[in-house]
Amino acid sequence: INLYLQIEQKPHKKEELTVANSVLKLAADLIK
């Protein structure tokens, strides 16, 4: 979540944000 917030503050890094989103979704599925 911290990583997402850090990238969220840098809109110009959309690609990194997309990658982070994918990773977070995967991590969320693994946690469940």
C-alpha atoms as a PDB file:
ATOM      1  CA  ILE A   1       0.000   0.000   0.000  1.00  0.00           C
ATOM      2  CA  ASN A   2       2.864   2.392   0.813  1.00  0.00           C
ATOM      3  CA  LEU A   3       4.393   1.770  -2.617  1.00  0.00           C
ATOM      4  CA  TYR A   4       1.057   2.560  -4.253  1.00  0.00           C
ATOM      5  CA  LEU A   5       0.755   5.833  -2.331  1.00  0.00           C
ATOM      6  CA  GLN A   6       4.298   6.864  -3.255  1.00  0.00           C
ATOM      7  CA  ILE A   7       3.663   6.269  -6.973  1.00  0.00           C
ATOM      8  CA  GLU A   8       0.209   7.845  -6.740  1.00  0.00           C
ATOM      9  CA  GLN A   9       1.951  11.104  -5.812  1.00  0.00           C
ATOM     10  CA  LYS A  10       3.876  10.952  -9.119  1.00  0.00           C
ATOM     11  CA  PRO A  11       1.204  10.956 -11.886  1.00  0.00           C
ATOM     12  CA  HIS A  12       3.862  11.153 -14.602  1.00  0.00           C
ATOM     13  CA  LYS A  13       4.858   7.568 -13.782  1.00  0.00           C
ATOM     14  CA  LYS A  14       1.682   5.994 -15.131  1.00  0.00           C
ATOM     15  CA  GLU A  15       3.428   2.843 -16.344  1.00  0.00           C
ATOM     16  CA  GLU A  16       4.951   2.207 -12.935  1.00  0.00           C
ATOM     17  CA  LEU A  17       1.578   2.860 -11.345  1.00  0.00           C
ATOM     18  CA  THR A  18      -0.032   0.283 -13.626  1.00  0.00           C
ATOM     19  CA  VAL A  19       2.648  -2.267 -12.773  1.00  0.00           C
ATOM     20  CA  ALA A  20       2.278  -1.543  -9.061  1.00  0.00           C
ATOM     21  CA  ASN A  21      -1.489  -1.973  -9.369  1.00  0.00           C
ATOM     22  CA  SER A  22      -1.033  -5.378 -10.996  1.00  0.00           C
ATOM     23  CA  VAL A  23       1.425  -6.431  -8.293  1.00  0.00           C
ATOM     24  CA  LEU A  24      -0.873  -5.221  -5.513  1.00  0.00           C
ATOM     25  CA  LYS A  25      -3.832  -7.100  -7.016  1.00  0.00           C
ATOM     26  CA  LEU A  26      -1.740 -10.270  -7.236  1.00  0.00           C
ATOM     27  CA  ALA A  27      -0.471  -9.788  -3.677  1.00  0.00           C
ATOM     28  CA  ALA A  28      -4.022  -9.191  -2.445  1.00  0.00           C
ATOM     29  CA  ASP A  29      -5.136 -12.458  -4.047  1.00  0.00           C
ATOM     30  CA  LEU A  30      -2.230 -14.297  -2.411  1.00  0.00           C
ATOM     31  CA  ILE A  31      -3.047 -12.798   1.008  1.00  0.00           C
ATOM     32  CA  LYS A  32      -6.641 -13.967   0.690  1.00  0.00           C
END
